[in-house]
PDB file of N, CA and C in Angstrom:
ATOM      1  N   MET A   1     121.025 -40.391 122.220  1.00  0.00           N
ATOM      2  CA  MET A   1     120.455 -39.245 121.644  1.00  0.00           C
ATOM      3  C   MET A   1     120.815 -39.740 119.993  1.00  0.00           C
ATOM      4  N   LEU A   2     119.786 -38.419 119.329  1.00  0.00           N
ATOM      5  CA  LEU A   2     119.581 -39.066 117.889  1.00  0.00           C
ATOM      6  C   LEU A   2     120.073 -37.139 117.149  1.00  0.00           C
ATOM      7  N   TYR A   3     120.469 -38.292 115.998  1.00  0.00           N
ATOM      8  CA  TYR A   3     120.976 -36.655 115.197  1.00  0.00           C
ATOM      9  C   TYR A   3     120.600 -37.127 113.491  1.00  0.00           C
ATOM     10  N   SER A   4     119.964 -36.468 112.655  1.00  0.00           N
ATOM     11  CA  SER A   4     119.375 -35.978 111.788  1.00  0.00           C
ATOM     12  C   SER A   4     120.547 -36.226 110.777  1.00  0.00           C
ATOM     13  N   VAL A   5     120.209 -36.771 109.519  1.00  0.00           N
ATOM     14  CA  VAL A   5     121.117 -37.080 108.504  1.00  0.00           C
ATOM     15  C   VAL A   5     120.046 -36.380 107.279  1.00  0.00           C
ATOM     16  N   PRO A   6     120.403 -36.335 106.115  1.00  0.00           N
ATOM     17  CA  PRO A   6     119.551 -35.761 104.763  1.00  0.00           C
ATOM     18  C   PRO A   6     118.946 -37.050 104.260  1.00  0.00           C
ATOM     19  N   TYR A   7     117.723 -36.808 104.170  1.00  0.00           N
ATOM     20  CA  TYR A   7     116.545 -38.107 104.020  1.00  0.00           C
ATOM     21  C   TYR A   7     117.566 -38.824 102.900  1.00  0.00           C
ATOM     22  N   GLU A   8     118.523 -38.543 102.373  1.00  0.00           N
ATOM     23  CA  GLU A   8     118.813 -38.707 101.375  1.00  0.00           C
ATOM     24  C   GLU A   8     119.861 -40.328 101.478  1.00  0.00           C
ATOM     25  N   TYR A   9     120.242 -39.943 102.996  1.00  0.00           N
ATOM     26  CA  TYR A   9     120.633 -41.384 102.699  1.00  0.00           C
ATOM     27  C   TYR A   9     120.934 -42.208 104.176  1.00  0.00           C
ATOM     28  N   ILE A  10     119.008 -42.423 104.133  1.00  0.00           N
ATOM     29  CA  ILE A  10     118.687 -43.192 104.388  1.00  0.00           C
ATOM     30  C   ILE A  10     119.042 -44.200 104.350  1.00  0.00           C
ATOM     31  N   LYS A  11     119.346 -45.584 105.184  1.00  0.00           N
ATOM     32  CA  LYS A  11     119.822 -46.930 105.531  1.00  0.00           C
ATOM     33  C   LYS A  11     120.933 -47.129 104.568  1.00  0.00           C
ATOM     34  N   ARG A  12     121.729 -45.721 104.395  1.00  0.00           N
ATOM     35  CA  ARG A  12     123.299 -45.780 104.187  1.00  0.00           C
ATOM     36  C   ARG A  12     124.334 -46.079 105.376  1.00  0.00           C
ATOM     37  N   LYS A  13     125.160 -46.443 105.099  1.00  0.00           N
ATOM     38  CA  LYS A  13     125.904 -46.895 106.058  1.00  0.00           C
ATOM     39  C   LYS A  13     126.849 -45.827 105.985  1.00  0.00           C
ATOM     40  N   VAL A  14     126.836 -44.773 107.221  1.00  0.00           N
ATOM     41  CA  VAL A  14     127.737 -43.749 107.662  1.00  0.00           C
ATOM     42  C   VAL A  14     128.706 -43.625 108.807  1.00  0.00           C
ATOM     43  N   ASP A  15     129.494 -43.016 108.176  1.00  0.00           N
ATOM     44  CA  ASP A  15     130.675 -42.838 109.802  1.00  0.00           C
ATOM     45  C   ASP A  15     130.518 -41.439 110.735  1.00  0.00           C
ATOM     46  N   VAL A  16     130.958 -41.937 111.786  1.00  0.00           N
ATOM     47  CA  VAL A  16     130.373 -40.884 112.636  1.00  0.00           C
ATOM     48  C   VAL A  16     131.833 -40.185 113.394  1.00  0.00           C
ATOM     49  N   ARG A  17     131.855 -39.126 113.688  1.00  0.00           N
ATOM     50  CA  ARG A  17     132.986 -38.570 114.336  1.00  0.00           C
ATOM     51  C   ARG A  17     132.318 -37.660 115.938  1.00  0.00           C
ATOM     52  N   VAL A  18     132.843 -38.020 117.134  1.00  0.00           N
ATOM     53  CA  VAL A  18     131.974 -37.697 118.052  1.00  0.00           C
ATOM     54  C   VAL A  18     133.547 -36.792 119.172  1.00  0.00           C
ATOM     55  N   THR A  19     132.933 -35.790 118.572  1.00  0.00           N
ATOM     56  CA  THR A  19     133.817 -34.790 120.040  1.00  0.00           C
ATOM     57  C   THR A  19     133.138 -34.194 121.506  1.00  0.00           C
ATOM     58  N   ASP A  20     133.722 -33.865 122.171  1.00  0.00           N
ATOM     59  CA  ASP A  20     132.832 -32.912 122.923  1.00  0.00           C
ATOM     60  C   ASP A  20     132.124 -32.014 123.005  1.00  0.00           C
ATOM     61  N   LYS A  21     131.836 -31.151 121.942  1.00  0.00           N
ATOM     62  CA  LYS A  21     131.333 -30.423 121.655  1.00  0.00           C
ATOM     63  C   LYS A  21     130.153 -30.966 120.356  1.00  0.00           C
ATOM     64  N   THR A  22     130.903 -31.437 118.923  1.00  0.00           N
ATOM     65  CA  THR A  22     130.143 -31.862 118.401  1.00  0.00           C
ATOM     66  C   THR A  22     130.255 -33.643 117.486  1.00  0.00           C
ATOM     67  N   ILE A  23     128.860 -33.461 116.578  1.00  0.00           N
ATOM     68  CA  ILE A  23     128.905 -34.751 116.100  1.00  0.00           C
ATOM     69  C   ILE A  23     128.525 -34.564 114.702  1.00  0.00           C
ATOM     70  N   GLU A  24     129.786 -35.187 114.036  1.00  0.00           N
ATOM     71  CA  GLU A  24     130.160 -35.223 112.655  1.00  0.00           C
ATOM     72  C   GLU A  24     130.127 -36.657 111.912  1.00  0.00           C
ATOM     73  N   ILE A  25     128.977 -36.830 110.690  1.00  0.00           N
ATOM     74  CA  ILE A  25     128.564 -37.502 109.667  1.00  0.00           C
ATOM     75  C   ILE A  25     129.298 -37.554 108.559  1.00  0.00           C
ATOM     76  N   PHE A  26     129.369 -38.910 108.205  1.00  0.00           N
ATOM     77  CA  PHE A  26     130.601 -38.182 107.149  1.00  0.00           C
ATOM     78  C   PHE A  26     129.777 -40.048 106.327  1.00  0.00           C
ATOM     79  N   TYR A  27     129.450 -39.469 105.027  1.00  0.00           N
ATOM     80  CA  TYR A  27     129.538 -40.681 103.854  1.00  0.00           C
ATOM     81  C   TYR A  27     130.578 -40.199 102.994  1.00  0.00           C
ATOM     82  N   ASN A  28     131.139 -41.689 102.891  1.00  0.00           N
ATOM     83  CA  ASN A  28     132.155 -41.878 101.808  1.00  0.00           C
ATOM     84  C   ASN A  28     133.417 -41.087 101.898  1.00  0.00           C
ATOM     85  N   HIS A  29     133.655 -40.091 103.019  1.00  0.00           N
ATOM     86  CA  HIS A  29     134.357 -39.767 103.278  1.00  0.00           C
ATOM     87  C   HIS A  29     134.056 -38.190 103.321  1.00  0.00           C
ATOM     88  N   ASN A  30     132.988 -37.981 102.788  1.00  0.00           N
ATOM     89  CA  ASN A  30     132.342 -36.574 103.066  1.00  0.00           C
ATOM     90  C   ASN A  30     131.642 -36.006 104.010  1.00  0.00           C
ATOM     91  N   ARG A  31     131.684 -35.017 104.604  1.00  0.00           N
ATOM     92  CA  ARG A  31     130.552 -35.154 105.773  1.00  0.00           C
ATOM     93  C   ARG A  31     128.965 -34.217 105.216  1.00  0.00           C
ATOM     94  N   ILE A  32     128.223 -34.973 105.437  1.00  0.00           N
ATOM     95  CA  ILE A  32     127.315 -34.627 105.133  1.00  0.00           C
ATOM     96  C   ILE A  32     126.137 -34.068 106.154  1.00  0.00           C
ATOM     97  N   ALA A  33     126.471 -34.140 107.587  1.00  0.00           N
ATOM     98  CA  ALA A  33     125.927 -33.548 108.721  1.00  0.00           C
ATOM     99  C   ALA A  33     126.592 -33.022 109.505  1.00  0.00           C
ATOM    100  N   SER A  34     126.206 -32.154 110.251  1.00  0.00           N
ATOM    101  CA  SER A  34     127.058 -31.837 112.058  1.00  0.00           C
ATOM    102  C   SER A  34     126.158 -31.239 112.405  1.00  0.00           C
ATOM    103  N   HIS A  35     125.934 -31.546 114.106  1.00  0.00           N
ATOM    104  CA  HIS A  35     125.106 -30.923 114.951  1.00  0.00           C
ATOM    105  C   HIS A  35     126.478 -30.744 116.096  1.00  0.00           C
ATOM    106  N   ARG A  36     125.422 -29.830 117.362  1.00  0.00           N
ATOM    107  CA  ARG A  36     126.416 -30.139 118.148  1.00  0.00           C
ATOM    108  C   ARG A  36     125.887 -31.084 118.964  1.00  0.00           C
ATOM    109  N   ARG A  37     126.830 -31.261 120.055  1.00  0.00           N
ATOM    110  CA  ARG A  37     126.540 -32.756 120.699  1.00  0.00           C
ATOM    111  C   ARG A  37     125.361 -32.419 121.890  1.00  0.00           C
ATOM    112  N   LEU A  38     124.583 -32.693 122.089  1.00  0.00           N
ATOM    113  CA  LEU A  38     123.760 -33.225 122.695  1.00  0.00           C
ATOM    114  C   LEU A  38     124.015 -33.762 123.894  1.00  0.00           C
ATOM    115  N   TYR A  39     123.656 -33.674 125.386  1.00  0.00           N
ATOM    116  CA  TYR A  39     123.668 -33.974 126.562  1.00  0.00           C
ATOM    117  C   TYR A  39     122.739 -33.734 127.400  1.00  0.00           C
ATOM    118  N   GLY A  40     122.894 -34.908 128.759  1.00  0.00           N
ATOM    119  CA  GLY A  40     121.499 -34.303 129.484  1.00  0.00           C
ATOM    120  C   GLY A  40     120.591 -35.760 129.693  1.00  0.00           C
ATOM    121  N   ARG A  41     119.070 -35.317 129.272  1.00  0.00           N
ATOM    122  CA  ARG A  41     118.370 -36.905 129.237  1.00  0.00           C
ATOM    123  C   ARG A  41     117.970 -37.580 127.849  1.00  0.00           C
ATOM    124  N   LYS A  42     117.958 -38.940 127.711  1.00  0.00           N
ATOM    125  CA  LYS A  42     118.078 -39.967 127.083  1.00  0.00           C
ATOM    126  C   LYS A  42     116.863 -39.634 125.767  1.00  0.00           C
ATOM    127  N   GLY A  43     117.078 -39.883 124.584  1.00  0.00           N
ATOM    128  CA  GLY A  43     115.957 -39.597 123.814  1.00  0.00           C
ATOM    129  C   GLY A  43     115.824 -37.976 123.257  1.00  0.00           C
ATOM    130  N   GLN A  44     116.255 -37.556 123.420  1.00  0.00           N
ATOM    131  CA  GLN A  44     116.787 -36.033 122.643  1.00  0.00           C
ATOM    132  C   GLN A  44     117.487 -36.193 121.411  1.00  0.00           C
ATOM    133  N   TYR A  45     116.802 -35.237 121.144  1.00  0.00           N
ATOM    134  CA  TYR A  45     117.065 -35.561 119.049  1.00  0.00           C
ATOM    135  C   TYR A  45     117.457 -33.956 118.185  1.00  0.00           C
ATOM    136  N   SER A  46     118.249 -34.001 117.683  1.00  0.00           N
ATOM    137  CA  SER A  46     118.996 -32.836 116.553  1.00  0.00           C
ATOM    138  C   SER A  46     118.439 -33.252 115.625  1.00  0.00           C
ATOM    139  N   THR A  47     117.008 -31.894 114.800  1.00  0.00           N
ATOM    140  CA  THR A  47     116.834 -32.680 113.706  1.00  0.00           C
ATOM    141  C   THR A  47     117.353 -31.010 113.214  1.00  0.00           C
ATOM    142  N   VAL A  48     117.649 -31.259 111.626  1.00  0.00           N
ATOM    143  CA  VAL A  48     118.120 -30.176 110.947  1.00  0.00           C
ATOM    144  C   VAL A  48     116.817 -29.917 109.460  1.00  0.00           C
ATOM    145  N   THR A  49     115.653 -28.760 109.160  1.00  0.00           N
ATOM    146  CA  THR A  49     114.931 -28.996 108.961  1.00  0.00           C
ATOM    147  C   THR A  49     115.356 -29.737 106.909  1.00  0.00           C
ATOM    148  N   GLU A  50     116.196 -28.878 106.171  1.00  0.00           N
ATOM    149  CA  GLU A  50     116.996 -29.481 105.213  1.00  0.00           C
ATOM    150  C   GLU A  50     117.117 -30.650 105.029  1.00  0.00           C
ATOM    151  N   HIS A  51     117.442 -31.450 106.337  1.00  0.00           N
ATOM    152  CA  HIS A  51     117.788 -33.170 105.963  1.00  0.00           C
ATOM    153  C   HIS A  51     115.808 -34.057 105.830  1.00  0.00           C
ATOM    154  N   MET A  52     114.989 -33.053 105.428  1.00  0.00           N
ATOM    155  CA  MET A  52     113.518 -33.626 105.808  1.00  0.00           C
ATOM    156  C   MET A  52     113.423 -33.914 104.165  1.00  0.00           C
ATOM    157  N   PRO A  53     112.387 -34.753 103.209  1.00  0.00           N
ATOM    158  CA  PRO A  53     111.516 -34.771 102.402  1.00  0.00           C
ATOM    159  C   PRO A  53     110.878 -33.389 102.964  1.00  0.00           C
ATOM    160  N   VAL A  54     110.431 -32.713 101.245  1.00  0.00           N
ATOM    161  CA  VAL A  54     109.702 -31.862 101.347  1.00  0.00           C
ATOM    162  C   VAL A  54     108.016 -32.195 101.937  1.00  0.00           C
ATOM    163  N   SER A  55     107.858 -33.494 101.389  1.00  0.00           N
ATOM    164  CA  SER A  55     106.604 -33.423 101.877  1.00  0.00           C
ATOM    165  C   SER A  55     106.411 -33.796 104.062  1.00  0.00           C
ATOM    166  N   HIS A  56     107.668 -34.068 104.367  1.00  0.00           N
ATOM    167  CA  HIS A  56     107.746 -33.534 106.028  1.00  0.00           C
ATOM    168  C   HIS A  56     107.961 -32.024 106.403  1.00  0.00           C
ATOM    169  N   GLN A  57     108.568 -31.386 105.559  1.00  0.00           N
ATOM    170  CA  GLN A  57     108.888 -30.095 106.316  1.00  0.00           C
ATOM    171  C   GLN A  57     107.325 -29.175 106.589  1.00  0.00           C
ATOM    172  N   GLN A  58     106.487 -30.254 105.346  1.00  0.00           N
ATOM    173  CA  GLN A  58     104.861 -28.966 105.781  1.00  0.00           C
ATOM    174  C   GLN A  58     104.703 -29.485 107.007  1.00  0.00           C
ATOM    175  N   TYR A  59     104.919 -30.161 107.677  1.00  0.00           N
ATOM    176  CA  TYR A  59     104.442 -30.509 109.103  1.00  0.00           C
ATOM    177  C   TYR A  59     104.728 -30.021 110.319  1.00  0.00           C
ATOM    178  N   LEU A  60     105.989 -29.306 109.996  1.00  0.00           N
ATOM    179  CA  LEU A  60     106.630 -28.136 110.919  1.00  0.00           C
ATOM    180  C   LEU A  60     106.203 -27.417 111.529  1.00  0.00           C
ATOM    181  N   GLU A  61     104.535 -26.715 110.888  1.00  0.00           N
ATOM    182  CA  GLU A  61     104.448 -25.849 111.234  1.00  0.00           C
ATOM    183  C   GLU A  61     102.652 -26.150 111.985  1.00  0.00           C
ATOM    184  N   TRP A  62     102.926 -27.825 111.893  1.00  0.00           N
ATOM    185  CA  TRP A  62     101.788 -28.336 113.317  1.00  0.00           C
ATOM    186  C   TRP A  62     102.045 -28.294 114.816  1.00  0.00           C
ATOM    187  N   ASN A  63     101.433 -28.303 116.066  1.00  0.00           N
ATOM    188  CA  ASN A  63     101.928 -29.352 116.899  1.00  0.00           C
ATOM    189  C   ASN A  63     100.483 -29.821 117.624  1.00  0.00           C
ATOM    190  N   GLY A  64     101.028 -30.651 118.677  1.00  0.00           N
ATOM    191  CA  GLY A  64      99.744 -31.291 119.319  1.00  0.00           C
ATOM    192  C   GLY A  64      98.866 -30.638 119.945  1.00  0.00           C
ATOM    193  N   ASP A  65      99.028 -29.283 119.798  1.00  0.00           N
ATOM    194  CA  ASP A  65      98.212 -28.759 121.005  1.00  0.00           C
ATOM    195  C   ASP A  65      96.638 -28.702 119.209  1.00  0.00           C
ATOM    196  N   ARG A  66      97.342 -28.125 118.345  1.00  0.00           N
ATOM    197  CA  ARG A  66      96.643 -27.946 116.919  1.00  0.00           C
ATOM    198  C   ARG A  66      95.927 -28.901 116.981  1.00  0.00           C
ATOM    199  N   PHE A  67      96.438 -30.421 116.144  1.00  0.00           N
ATOM    200  CA  PHE A  67      95.881 -31.198 116.159  1.00  0.00           C
ATOM    201  C   PHE A  67      94.821 -31.773 117.108  1.00  0.00           C
ATOM    202  N   ARG A  68      95.385 -31.793 118.886  1.00  0.00           N
ATOM    203  CA  ARG A  68      94.078 -31.876 119.988  1.00  0.00           C
ATOM    204  C   ARG A  68      92.855 -31.000 119.365  1.00  0.00           C
ATOM    205  N   LYS A  69      93.160 -29.929 119.464  1.00  0.00           N
ATOM    206  CA  LYS A  69      91.985 -28.575 119.413  1.00  0.00           C
ATOM    207  C   LYS A  69      90.959 -28.968 118.235  1.00  0.00           C
ATOM    208  N   TRP A  70      91.807 -29.127 116.633  1.00  0.00           N
ATOM    209  CA  TRP A  70      91.121 -29.914 115.812  1.00  0.00           C
ATOM    210  C   TRP A  70      90.549 -31.089 116.138  1.00  0.00           C
ATOM    211  N   ALA A  71      90.666 -31.933 116.678  1.00  0.00           N
ATOM    212  CA  ALA A  71      90.121 -33.068 117.327  1.00  0.00           C
ATOM    213  C   ALA A  71      89.048 -32.922 117.915  1.00  0.00           C
ATOM    214  N   GLU A  72      88.795 -32.206 118.832  1.00  0.00           N
ATOM    215  CA  GLU A  72      87.829 -31.471 119.467  1.00  0.00           C
ATOM    216  C   GLU A  72      86.494 -31.001 119.241  1.00  0.00           C
ATOM    217  N   GLY A  73      87.150 -30.248 117.876  1.00  0.00           N
ATOM    218  CA  GLY A  73      85.664 -29.466 117.173  1.00  0.00           C
ATOM    219  C   GLY A  73      84.949 -30.456 116.647  1.00  0.00           C
ATOM    220  N   ILE A  74      86.068 -32.036 116.562  1.00  0.00           N
ATOM    221  CA  ILE A  74      84.910 -33.015 115.818  1.00  0.00           C
ATOM    222  C   ILE A  74      83.941 -33.929 116.821  1.00  0.00           C
ATOM    223  N   GLY A  75      85.164 -34.025 117.957  1.00  0.00           N
ATOM    224  CA  GLY A  75      84.167 -34.739 119.313  1.00  0.00           C
ATOM    225  C   GLY A  75      84.964 -35.375 120.130  1.00  0.00           C
ATOM    226  N   SER A  76      84.470 -35.480 121.760  1.00  0.00           N
ATOM    227  CA  SER A  76      85.320 -35.687 122.639  1.00  0.00           C
ATOM    228  C   SER A  76      85.834 -37.582 121.889  1.00  0.00           C
ATOM    229  N   SER A  77      85.583 -38.068 121.467  1.00  0.00           N
ATOM    230  CA  SER A  77      86.370 -39.433 120.756  1.00  0.00           C
ATOM    231  C   SER A  77      87.734 -39.443 119.878  1.00  0.00           C
ATOM    232  N   THR A  78      86.982 -38.964 119.101  1.00  0.00           N
ATOM    233  CA  THR A  78      88.016 -38.143 118.140  1.00  0.00           C
ATOM    234  C   THR A  78      88.883 -36.780 118.689  1.00  0.00           C
ATOM    235  N   TYR A  79      89.180 -36.303 119.803  1.00  0.00           N
ATOM    236  CA  TYR A  79      90.126 -36.177 120.598  1.00  0.00           C
ATOM    237  C   TYR A  79      91.042 -36.816 121.978  1.00  0.00           C
ATOM    238  N   GLN A  80      90.239 -38.013 122.224  1.00  0.00           N
ATOM    239  CA  GLN A  80      90.921 -39.178 122.517  1.00  0.00           C
ATOM    240  C   GLN A  80      92.212 -40.435 122.044  1.00  0.00           C
ATOM    241  N   VAL A  81      91.360 -40.166 120.332  1.00  0.00           N
ATOM    242  CA  VAL A  81      92.300 -41.229 119.444  1.00  0.00           C
ATOM    243  C   VAL A  81      93.415 -40.378 119.395  1.00  0.00           C
ATOM    244  N   VAL A  82      93.322 -38.618 119.093  1.00  0.00           N
ATOM    245  CA  VAL A  82      93.966 -37.953 118.672  1.00  0.00           C
ATOM    246  C   VAL A  82      95.373 -37.914 119.682  1.00  0.00           C
ATOM    247  N   ASP A  83      94.794 -37.557 120.764  1.00  0.00           N
ATOM    248  CA  ASP A  83      95.940 -37.832 121.973  1.00  0.00           C
ATOM    249  C   ASP A  83      96.221 -38.405 122.163  1.00  0.00           C
ATOM    250  N   ALA A  84      95.788 -40.017 122.028  1.00  0.00           N
ATOM    251  CA  ALA A  84      96.537 -41.487 122.120  1.00  0.00           C
ATOM    252  C   ALA A  84      97.436 -41.448 121.286  1.00  0.00           C
ATOM    253  N   SER A  85      97.202 -41.362 119.566  1.00  0.00           N
ATOM    254  CA  SER A  85      98.372 -41.102 118.899  1.00  0.00           C
ATOM    255  C   SER A  85      99.288 -40.154 119.243  1.00  0.00           C
ATOM    256  N   LEU A  86      99.314 -39.458 119.494  1.00  0.00           N
ATOM    257  CA  LEU A  86     100.384 -38.171 120.028  1.00  0.00           C
ATOM    258  C   LEU A  86     101.268 -39.049 121.173  1.00  0.00           C
ATOM    259  N   THR A  87     100.901 -39.356 121.936  1.00  0.00           N
ATOM    260  CA  THR A  87     101.388 -39.369 123.119  1.00  0.00           C
ATOM    261  C   THR A  87     101.957 -40.662 122.868  1.00  0.00           C
ATOM    262  N   SER A  88     101.860 -41.644 121.948  1.00  0.00           N
ATOM    263  CA  SER A  88     102.152 -43.046 121.909  1.00  0.00           C
ATOM    264  C   SER A  88     103.589 -43.485 120.599  1.00  0.00           C
ATOM    265  N   LYS A  89     103.962 -42.117 120.861  1.00  0.00           N
ATOM    266  CA  LYS A  89     105.654 -42.012 120.134  1.00  0.00           C
ATOM    267  C   LYS A  89     105.899 -41.683 121.299  1.00  0.00           C
ATOM    268  N   ARG A  90     107.547 -41.488 121.120  1.00  0.00           N
ATOM    269  CA  ARG A  90     108.335 -40.702 122.169  1.00  0.00           C
ATOM    270  C   ARG A  90     108.920 -39.434 121.672  1.00  0.00           C
ATOM    271  N   ILE A  91     108.684 -39.497 119.782  1.00  0.00           N
ATOM    272  CA  ILE A  91     108.794 -37.784 119.661  1.00  0.00           C
ATOM    273  C   ILE A  91     107.516 -37.793 118.897  1.00  0.00           C
ATOM    274  N   GLU A  92     107.172 -36.579 119.362  1.00  0.00           N
ATOM    275  CA  GLU A  92     105.277 -36.479 118.726  1.00  0.00           C
ATOM    276  C   GLU A  92     105.722 -36.383 117.575  1.00  0.00           C
ATOM    277  N   GLN A  93     106.458 -35.814 116.956  1.00  0.00           N
ATOM    278  CA  GLN A  93     106.002 -35.218 116.082  1.00  0.00           C
ATOM    279  C   GLN A  93     105.897 -36.149 114.682  1.00  0.00           C
ATOM    280  N   GLN A  94     106.573 -37.746 114.936  1.00  0.00           N
ATOM    281  CA  GLN A  94     106.370 -38.381 113.848  1.00  0.00           C
ATOM    282  C   GLN A  94     104.816 -39.178 113.988  1.00  0.00           C
ATOM    283  N   SER A  95     103.760 -38.870 115.103  1.00  0.00           N
ATOM    284  CA  SER A  95     102.493 -38.888 114.944  1.00  0.00           C
ATOM    285  C   SER A  95     101.887 -38.092 114.248  1.00  0.00           C
ATOM    286  N   TYR A  96     102.037 -36.593 113.418  1.00  0.00           N
ATOM    287  CA  TYR A  96     101.392 -35.743 112.459  1.00  0.00           C
ATOM    288  C   TYR A  96     101.024 -36.681 111.847  1.00  0.00           C
ATOM    289  N   ARG A  97     101.333 -36.953 111.233  1.00  0.00           N
ATOM    290  CA  ARG A  97     100.961 -37.765 109.558  1.00  0.00           C
ATOM    291  C   ARG A  97     100.057 -38.487 109.564  1.00  0.00           C
ATOM    292  N   SER A  98      99.785 -39.198 110.721  1.00  0.00           N
ATOM    293  CA  SER A  98      98.752 -40.146 111.216  1.00  0.00           C
ATOM    294  C   SER A  98      97.380 -39.787 111.942  1.00  0.00           C
ATOM    295  N   CYS A  99      97.712 -38.385 112.319  1.00  0.00           N
ATOM    296  CA  CYS A  99      96.523 -37.757 112.600  1.00  0.00           C
ATOM    297  C   CYS A  99      96.449 -36.864 112.085  1.00  0.00           C
ATOM    298  N   MET A 100      96.969 -36.131 111.188  1.00  0.00           N
ATOM    299  CA  MET A 100      96.334 -35.720 109.669  1.00  0.00           C
ATOM    300  C   MET A 100      95.464 -36.217 108.915  1.00  0.00           C
ATOM    301  N   GLY A 101      95.443 -37.905 108.610  1.00  0.00           N
ATOM    302  CA  GLY A 101      95.195 -38.597 107.958  1.00  0.00           C
ATOM    303  C   GLY A 101      94.032 -38.687 108.776  1.00  0.00           C
ATOM    304  N   LEU A 102      93.720 -38.804 109.861  1.00  0.00           N
ATOM    305  CA  LEU A 102      92.707 -39.202 110.415  1.00  0.00           C
ATOM    306  C   LEU A 102      91.449 -38.499 110.041  1.00  0.00           C
ATOM    307  N   LEU A 103      92.161 -37.152 110.691  1.00  0.00           N
ATOM    308  CA  LEU A 103      91.719 -36.274 110.139  1.00  0.00           C
ATOM    309  C   LEU A 103      90.196 -35.637 109.041  1.00  0.00           C
ATOM    310  N   LYS A 104      91.526 -35.773 108.294  1.00  0.00           N
ATOM    311  CA  LYS A 104      90.972 -35.182 107.137  1.00  0.00           C
ATOM    312  C   LYS A 104      90.219 -36.165 106.609  1.00  0.00           C
ATOM    313  N   LEU A 105      89.774 -37.469 107.308  1.00  0.00           N
ATOM    314  CA  LEU A 105      88.546 -38.456 107.343  1.00  0.00           C
ATOM    315  C   LEU A 105      87.379 -37.874 107.365  1.00  0.00           C
ATOM    316  N   ALA A 106      87.352 -36.837 107.853  1.00  0.00           N
ATOM    317  CA  ALA A 106      85.832 -35.811 108.502  1.00  0.00           C
ATOM    318  C   ALA A 106      85.499 -35.257 106.661  1.00  0.00           C
ATOM    319  N   ASP A 107      86.917 -34.990 106.125  1.00  0.00           N
ATOM    320  CA  ASP A 107      86.485 -34.325 104.856  1.00  0.00           C
ATOM    321  C   ASP A 107      85.769 -35.139 104.127  1.00  0.00           C
ATOM    322  N   LYS A 108      86.396 -36.535 103.760  1.00  0.00           N
ATOM    323  CA  LYS A 108      85.545 -37.430 103.031  1.00  0.00           C
ATOM    324  C   LYS A 108      84.392 -37.998 103.386  1.00  0.00           C
ATOM    325  N   TYR A 109      84.175 -38.134 104.622  1.00  0.00           N
ATOM    326  CA  TYR A 109      82.980 -38.586 105.148  1.00  0.00           C
ATOM    327  C   TYR A 109      82.143 -37.904 105.566  1.00  0.00           C
ATOM    328  N   SER A 110      82.739 -37.240 107.146  1.00  0.00           N
ATOM    329  CA  SER A 110      81.440 -36.696 107.614  1.00  0.00           C
ATOM    330  C   SER A 110      82.031 -36.464 108.900  1.00  0.00           C
ATOM    331  N   VAL A 111      82.105 -35.653 109.760  1.00  0.00           N
ATOM    332  CA  VAL A 111      82.299 -35.336 111.326  1.00  0.00           C
ATOM    333  C   VAL A 111      81.588 -36.312 111.955  1.00  0.00           C
ATOM    334  N   ASP A 112      80.220 -36.678 112.241  1.00  0.00           N
ATOM    335  CA  ASP A 112      78.915 -37.521 112.230  1.00  0.00           C
ATOM    336  C   ASP A 112      80.213 -39.153 112.468  1.00  0.00           C
ATOM    337  N   ARG A 113      80.612 -39.530 110.924  1.00  0.00           N
ATOM    338  CA  ARG A 113      80.848 -40.764 110.852  1.00  0.00           C
ATOM    339  C   ARG A 113      82.369 -41.337 111.231  1.00  0.00           C
ATOM    340  N   LEU A 114      83.551 -40.059 111.455  1.00  0.00           N
ATOM    341  CA  LEU A 114      84.552 -40.018 112.261  1.00  0.00           C
ATOM    342  C   LEU A 114      84.290 -40.261 112.975  1.00  0.00           C
ATOM    343  N   GLU A 115      83.766 -39.705 114.294  1.00  0.00           N
ATOM    344  CA  GLU A 115      83.376 -39.451 115.639  1.00  0.00           C
ATOM    345  C   GLU A 115      83.291 -40.730 115.954  1.00  0.00           C
ATOM    346  N   ALA A 116      82.193 -41.631 115.079  1.00  0.00           N
ATOM    347  CA  ALA A 116      80.949 -42.529 115.502  1.00  0.00           C
ATOM    348  C   ALA A 116      82.545 -43.986 115.507  1.00  0.00           C
ATOM    349  N   ALA A 117      83.299 -43.781 114.229  1.00  0.00           N
ATOM    350  CA  ALA A 117      84.127 -44.580 114.193  1.00  0.00           C
ATOM    351  C   ALA A 117      85.185 -44.627 115.282  1.00  0.00           C
ATOM    352  N   CYS A 118      85.410 -43.216 115.509  1.00  0.00           N
ATOM    353  CA  CYS A 118      86.364 -42.808 116.632  1.00  0.00           C
ATOM    354  C   CYS A 118      86.011 -43.975 118.256  1.00  0.00           C
ATOM    355  N   ARG A 119      84.859 -43.518 118.296  1.00  0.00           N
ATOM    356  CA  ARG A 119      84.176 -44.146 119.273  1.00  0.00           C
ATOM    357  C   ARG A 119      83.667 -45.652 119.620  1.00  0.00           C
ATOM    358  N   LYS A 120      83.452 -46.493 118.319  1.00  0.00           N
ATOM    359  CA  LYS A 120      84.159 -47.939 117.834  1.00  0.00           C
ATOM    360  C   LYS A 120      85.774 -47.990 118.360  1.00  0.00           C
ATOM    361  N   ALA A 121      86.405 -47.620 117.870  1.00  0.00           N
ATOM    362  CA  ALA A 121      87.869 -47.742 118.029  1.00  0.00           C
ATOM    363  C   ALA A 121      87.853 -48.027 119.779  1.00  0.00           C
ATOM    364  N   LEU A 122      87.476 -46.590 120.422  1.00  0.00           N
ATOM    365  CA  LEU A 122      88.272 -46.647 121.855  1.00  0.00           C
ATOM    366  C   LEU A 122      87.212 -47.948 122.011  1.00  0.00           C
TER     367      LEU A 122
END
């Protein structure tokens, strides 16, 4: 199971207290995060929006279907590349930035050039 902490604590050593119902994370004896303990399937995650940098929070309004629909409007090869990116990560949201970057290339170059590049990549 994966639990978020505020992004300021990335790569910092923290202490974790686990009970039957709660996961608490401490840094220098101060609690920095608390989550309801998850049970069930492996790979679940609990993320608190405020733990994310503002630049990452903007992606919360996005979802895989929205990226797929956008890509489909460009072409079938672009759709295949975006779909492969979305399914390549265990947590789909981790691929949103790369999908956004890819699809924004159509603004800079053109939808025809992006589709041709995706066709070549495939």
